[in-house]
N, C-alpha and C. Protein backbone atom coordinates (compact mmCIF):
# COMPACT_ATOMS: atom_id res chain seq x y z
N UNK A 1 0.90 -1.21 -0.03
CA UNK A 1 -0.05 0.00 0.05
C UNK A 1 0.87 1.19 0.04
N UNK A 2 0.60 2.24 -0.84
CA UNK A 2 1.33 3.41 -0.86
C UNK A 2 0.77 4.29 0.24
N UNK A 3 1.73 4.74 1.06
CA UNK A 3 1.45 5.68 2.15
C UNK A 3 2.66 6.66 2.46
N UNK A 4 2.20 7.97 2.48
CA UNK A 4 3.25 8.94 2.91
C UNK A 4 3.49 8.97 4.32
N UNK A 5 4.56 8.53 4.81
CA UNK A 5 4.82 8.36 6.31
C UNK A 5 4.74 9.69 7.06
N UNK A 6 4.79 10.87 6.52
CA UNK A 6 4.69 12.19 7.03
C UNK A 6 3.35 12.46 7.50
N UNK A 7 2.37 11.82 6.90
CA UNK A 7 0.92 12.15 7.11
C UNK A 7 0.33 11.13 8.23
N UNK A 8 1.24 10.12 8.78
CA UNK A 8 0.77 9.37 9.84
C UNK A 8 0.60 10.19 11.12
N UNK A 9 1.42 11.21 11.32
CA UNK A 9 1.35 11.96 12.48
C UNK A 9 -0.07 12.67 12.71
N UNK A 10 -0.66 13.04 11.53
CA UNK A 10 -1.98 13.69 11.69
C UNK A 10 -3.00 12.66 12.11
N UNK A 11 -2.84 11.52 11.67
CA UNK A 11 -3.91 10.45 12.13
C UNK A 11 -3.63 10.24 13.73
N UNK A 12 -2.38 10.19 14.04
CA UNK A 12 -2.16 9.98 15.51
C UNK A 12 -2.59 11.08 16.33
N UNK A 13 -2.44 12.44 15.88
CA UNK A 13 -2.83 13.68 16.58
C UNK A 13 -4.44 13.68 16.61
N UNK A 14 -5.09 13.14 15.44
CA UNK A 14 -6.45 13.21 15.33
C UNK A 14 -7.07 12.39 16.37
N UNK A 15 -6.49 11.16 16.47
CA UNK A 15 -7.00 10.12 17.55
C UNK A 15 -6.68 10.76 19.01
N UNK A 16 -5.63 11.30 19.25
CA UNK A 16 -5.33 11.88 20.66
C UNK A 16 -5.93 13.14 21.00
N UNK A 17 -6.21 13.99 20.11
CA UNK A 17 -6.89 15.19 20.37
C UNK A 17 -8.24 15.16 21.28
N UNK A 18 -9.20 14.24 21.00
CA UNK A 18 -10.35 14.17 22.01
C UNK A 18 -10.03 13.72 23.32
N UNK A 19 -8.90 12.80 23.33
CA UNK A 19 -8.50 12.18 24.67
C UNK A 19 -7.92 13.08 25.45
N UNK A 20 -6.90 13.95 25.05
CA UNK A 20 -6.41 15.04 25.75
C UNK A 20 -7.41 16.19 26.07
N UNK A 21 -8.15 16.44 25.10
CA UNK A 21 -9.24 17.47 25.49
C UNK A 21 -10.09 17.08 26.53
N UNK A 22 -10.39 15.86 26.79
CA UNK A 22 -11.40 15.37 27.84
C UNK A 22 -10.59 15.29 29.14
N UNK A 23 -9.38 14.82 29.12
CA UNK A 23 -8.47 14.72 30.31
C UNK A 23 -8.01 16.04 30.90
N UNK A 24 -7.70 16.95 29.97
CA UNK A 24 -7.13 18.13 30.43
C UNK A 24 -8.16 19.43 30.25
N UNK A 25 -9.41 19.14 30.22
CA UNK A 25 -10.39 20.16 29.94
C UNK A 25 -10.44 21.22 31.18
N UNK A 26 -10.55 20.94 32.18
CA UNK A 26 -10.57 21.83 33.36
C UNK A 26 -9.38 22.05 34.19
N UNK A 27 -8.14 21.32 33.72
CA UNK A 27 -6.97 21.39 34.36
C UNK A 27 -6.05 22.43 33.96
N UNK A 28 -6.29 22.91 32.61
CA UNK A 28 -5.39 23.92 32.05
C UNK A 28 -5.68 25.28 32.46
N UNK A 29 -4.60 26.13 32.66
CA UNK A 29 -4.91 27.44 32.97
C UNK A 29 -5.00 28.29 31.66
N UNK A 30 -4.31 27.88 30.59
CA UNK A 30 -4.27 28.55 29.37
C UNK A 30 -4.75 27.45 28.27
N UNK A 31 -5.84 27.28 28.08
CA UNK A 31 -6.47 26.24 27.02
C UNK A 31 -5.98 26.68 25.81
N UNK A 32 -6.17 28.00 25.37
CA UNK A 32 -5.80 28.35 24.01
C UNK A 32 -4.41 28.19 23.59
N UNK A 33 -3.55 28.44 24.49
CA UNK A 33 -2.09 28.24 24.24
C UNK A 33 -1.86 26.76 24.05
N UNK A 34 -2.48 25.92 24.85
CA UNK A 34 -2.26 24.45 24.62
C UNK A 34 -2.74 24.10 23.26
N UNK A 35 -3.86 24.43 22.86
CA UNK A 35 -4.43 24.02 21.57
C UNK A 35 -3.54 24.55 20.35
N UNK A 36 -3.00 25.67 20.69
CA UNK A 36 -2.17 26.37 19.58
C UNK A 36 -0.91 25.52 19.48
N UNK A 37 -0.30 25.07 20.71
CA UNK A 37 0.91 24.32 20.51
C UNK A 37 0.58 22.76 20.09
N UNK A 38 -0.67 22.37 20.40
CA UNK A 38 -1.01 20.96 20.12
C UNK A 38 -1.21 21.06 18.42
N UNK A 39 -1.79 22.25 17.89
CA UNK A 39 -1.85 22.12 16.39
C UNK A 39 -0.58 22.44 15.71
N UNK A 40 0.40 23.13 16.42
CA UNK A 40 1.65 23.29 15.65
C UNK A 40 2.47 22.02 15.50
N UNK A 41 2.41 21.25 16.47
CA UNK A 41 3.34 20.07 16.56
C UNK A 41 3.29 19.19 15.20
N UNK A 42 2.09 18.81 14.93
CA UNK A 42 2.12 17.88 13.73
C UNK A 42 2.55 18.49 12.41
N UNK A 43 2.10 19.78 12.26
CA UNK A 43 2.51 20.52 11.11
C UNK A 43 4.07 20.73 10.92
N UNK A 44 4.60 21.01 12.16
CA UNK A 44 6.06 21.11 12.14
C UNK A 44 6.74 19.93 11.71
N UNK A 45 6.34 18.73 12.20
CA UNK A 45 6.85 17.43 11.78
C UNK A 45 6.77 17.22 10.29
N UNK A 46 5.55 17.57 9.75
CA UNK A 46 5.20 17.37 8.45
C UNK A 46 6.02 18.20 7.53
N UNK A 47 6.20 19.47 7.80
CA UNK A 47 6.97 20.48 7.07
C UNK A 47 8.39 19.78 6.82
N UNK A 48 8.95 19.16 7.83
CA UNK A 48 10.32 18.64 7.70
C UNK A 48 10.41 17.35 6.85
N UNK A 49 9.48 16.48 6.92
CA UNK A 49 9.39 15.18 6.43
C UNK A 49 8.51 14.98 5.13
N UNK A 50 7.88 16.07 4.69
CA UNK A 50 7.07 15.92 3.53
C UNK A 50 7.69 16.24 2.20
N UNK A 51 7.27 15.77 1.14
CA UNK A 51 7.75 16.10 -0.18
C UNK A 51 7.36 17.71 -0.40
N UNK A 52 8.14 18.35 -1.31
CA UNK A 52 7.89 19.63 -1.44
C UNK A 52 6.53 20.10 -2.07
N UNK A 53 5.99 19.13 -2.66
CA UNK A 53 4.67 19.49 -3.27
C UNK A 53 3.55 19.50 -2.29
N UNK A 54 3.71 19.10 -1.10
CA UNK A 54 2.75 19.11 0.06
C UNK A 54 2.68 20.49 0.68
N UNK A 55 3.78 21.31 0.64
CA UNK A 55 3.81 22.56 1.37
C UNK A 55 2.68 23.49 1.10
N UNK A 56 2.05 23.88 0.05
CA UNK A 56 1.07 24.67 -0.03
C UNK A 56 -0.23 24.11 0.60
N UNK A 57 -0.38 22.82 0.43
CA UNK A 57 -1.49 22.20 1.07
C UNK A 57 -1.41 22.25 2.56
N UNK A 58 -0.23 21.94 3.06
CA UNK A 58 0.01 21.96 4.49
C UNK A 58 -0.17 23.36 5.11
N UNK A 59 0.34 24.38 4.48
CA UNK A 59 0.03 25.70 4.91
C UNK A 59 -1.38 25.99 5.01
N UNK A 60 -2.15 25.64 4.06
CA UNK A 60 -3.58 25.96 4.05
C UNK A 60 -4.37 25.32 5.24
N UNK A 61 -4.01 24.07 5.41
CA UNK A 61 -4.65 23.31 6.42
C UNK A 61 -4.11 23.79 7.77
N UNK A 62 -2.89 24.28 7.87
CA UNK A 62 -2.32 24.84 9.17
C UNK A 62 -3.16 26.13 9.51
N UNK A 63 -3.28 26.83 8.54
CA UNK A 63 -4.05 28.12 8.87
C UNK A 63 -5.56 27.72 9.38
N UNK A 64 -6.05 26.84 8.67
CA UNK A 64 -7.48 26.35 8.99
C UNK A 64 -7.46 25.84 10.58
N UNK A 65 -6.54 25.11 10.81
CA UNK A 65 -6.37 24.48 12.12
C UNK A 65 -6.11 25.34 13.15
N UNK A 66 -5.25 26.47 12.83
CA UNK A 66 -5.16 27.54 13.87
C UNK A 66 -6.34 28.30 14.16
N UNK A 67 -7.19 28.55 13.11
CA UNK A 67 -8.48 29.20 13.25
C UNK A 67 -9.35 28.31 14.13
N UNK A 68 -9.41 27.05 13.99
CA UNK A 68 -10.20 26.33 14.83
C UNK A 68 -9.62 26.24 16.30
N UNK A 69 -8.34 26.22 16.42
CA UNK A 69 -7.78 26.19 17.71
C UNK A 69 -7.83 27.55 18.58
N UNK A 70 -7.86 28.62 17.83
CA UNK A 70 -8.13 29.96 18.48
C UNK A 70 -9.43 30.09 18.95
N UNK A 71 -10.47 29.55 18.13
CA UNK A 71 -11.93 29.65 18.54
C UNK A 71 -12.16 28.42 19.59
N UNK A 72 -11.30 27.59 19.85
CA UNK A 72 -11.51 26.45 20.87
C UNK A 72 -12.61 25.36 20.22
N UNK A 73 -12.65 25.30 18.93
CA UNK A 73 -13.62 24.27 18.30
C UNK A 73 -12.83 22.97 18.34
N UNK A 74 -12.82 22.22 19.17
CA UNK A 74 -11.97 20.93 19.24
C UNK A 74 -12.59 20.02 18.34
N UNK A 75 -13.80 19.73 18.11
CA UNK A 75 -14.42 19.01 17.04
C UNK A 75 -13.97 19.18 15.72
N UNK A 76 -13.89 20.57 15.23
CA UNK A 76 -13.52 20.93 14.14
C UNK A 76 -12.02 20.74 13.81
N UNK A 77 -11.12 20.87 14.95
CA UNK A 77 -9.85 20.57 14.89
C UNK A 77 -9.49 19.25 14.66
N UNK A 78 -10.34 18.33 15.17
CA UNK A 78 -10.05 16.88 14.88
C UNK A 78 -10.32 16.44 13.52
N UNK A 79 -11.36 17.20 13.06
CA UNK A 79 -11.77 16.81 11.59
C UNK A 79 -10.74 17.50 10.54
N UNK A 80 -10.13 18.65 10.91
CA UNK A 80 -9.09 19.20 10.10
C UNK A 80 -7.80 18.33 10.14
N UNK A 81 -7.49 17.79 11.36
CA UNK A 81 -6.20 16.89 11.42
C UNK A 81 -6.47 15.60 10.65
N UNK A 82 -7.62 15.01 10.72
CA UNK A 82 -8.00 13.76 9.87
C UNK A 82 -8.00 14.26 8.35
N UNK A 83 -8.60 15.36 8.09
CA UNK A 83 -8.74 15.82 6.68
C UNK A 83 -7.28 15.89 6.03
N UNK A 84 -6.44 16.58 6.80
CA UNK A 84 -5.09 16.87 6.30
C UNK A 84 -4.48 15.33 5.93
N UNK A 85 -4.73 14.50 6.88
CA UNK A 85 -4.08 13.10 6.67
C UNK A 85 -4.69 12.40 5.32
N UNK A 86 -6.02 12.46 5.15
CA UNK A 86 -6.73 11.79 4.10
C UNK A 86 -6.44 12.53 2.80
N UNK A 87 -6.60 13.75 2.78
CA UNK A 87 -6.41 14.58 1.47
C UNK A 87 -4.95 14.76 1.09
N UNK A 88 -4.06 14.73 2.06
CA UNK A 88 -2.66 14.62 1.78
C UNK A 88 -2.13 13.20 1.08
N UNK A 89 -3.04 12.15 1.63
CA UNK A 89 -2.54 10.80 1.10
C UNK A 89 -3.12 10.73 -0.30
N UNK A 90 -4.24 11.32 -0.53
CA UNK A 90 -4.80 11.34 -1.88
C UNK A 90 -3.94 12.08 -2.94
N UNK A 91 -3.45 13.28 -2.40
CA UNK A 91 -2.66 14.00 -3.33
C UNK A 91 -1.26 13.30 -3.63
N UNK A 92 -0.78 12.71 -2.47
CA UNK A 92 0.53 11.93 -2.59
C UNK A 92 0.28 10.76 -3.59
N UNK A 93 -0.79 10.03 -3.44
CA UNK A 93 -0.93 8.92 -4.37
C UNK A 93 -1.23 9.37 -5.82
N UNK A 94 -1.98 10.48 -6.08
CA UNK A 94 -2.12 10.94 -7.42
C UNK A 94 -0.83 11.36 -8.08
N UNK A 95 0.01 12.05 -7.27
CA UNK A 95 1.23 12.58 -7.73
C UNK A 95 2.12 11.51 -8.10
N UNK A 96 2.18 10.34 -7.19
CA UNK A 96 3.20 9.22 -7.18
C UNK A 96 2.82 8.37 -8.57
N UNK A 97 1.44 8.18 -8.75
CA UNK A 97 1.05 7.42 -9.74
C UNK A 97 1.24 8.16 -11.17
N UNK A 98 0.99 9.44 -11.12
CA UNK A 98 1.19 10.27 -12.19
C UNK A 98 2.60 10.31 -12.70
N UNK A 99 3.51 10.52 -11.87
CA UNK A 99 4.93 10.59 -12.16
C UNK A 99 5.54 9.27 -12.35
N UNK A 100 5.07 8.19 -11.88
CA UNK A 100 5.82 6.80 -12.08
C UNK A 100 5.02 6.03 -13.13
N UNK A 101 3.80 6.26 -13.43
CA UNK A 101 2.96 5.29 -14.32
C UNK A 101 2.62 6.19 -15.60
N UNK A 102 2.98 7.44 -15.75
CA UNK A 102 2.40 8.21 -16.95
C UNK A 102 3.22 7.94 -18.09
């Protein structure tokens, strides 16, 4: 199966986001800062390990995720992280098949 390993982090963060949101809901003094840091981490990893063609895609989804994090919309943040993984994998597959089998 064709899979871009840099996108696996978005699946992991998408799964862990509701768990951490539930555990740390009332225990954080600055929830907004936590969600900004939580949103920044997977994108920083993806910027270093992704192919160059992903950068515009990652920047767009990073901005969308920051918007959700600033508004504390955790459910939408989860969807944004999973969408980044799924759409990124589709783009990677299309680019890979286009360049290798065209």
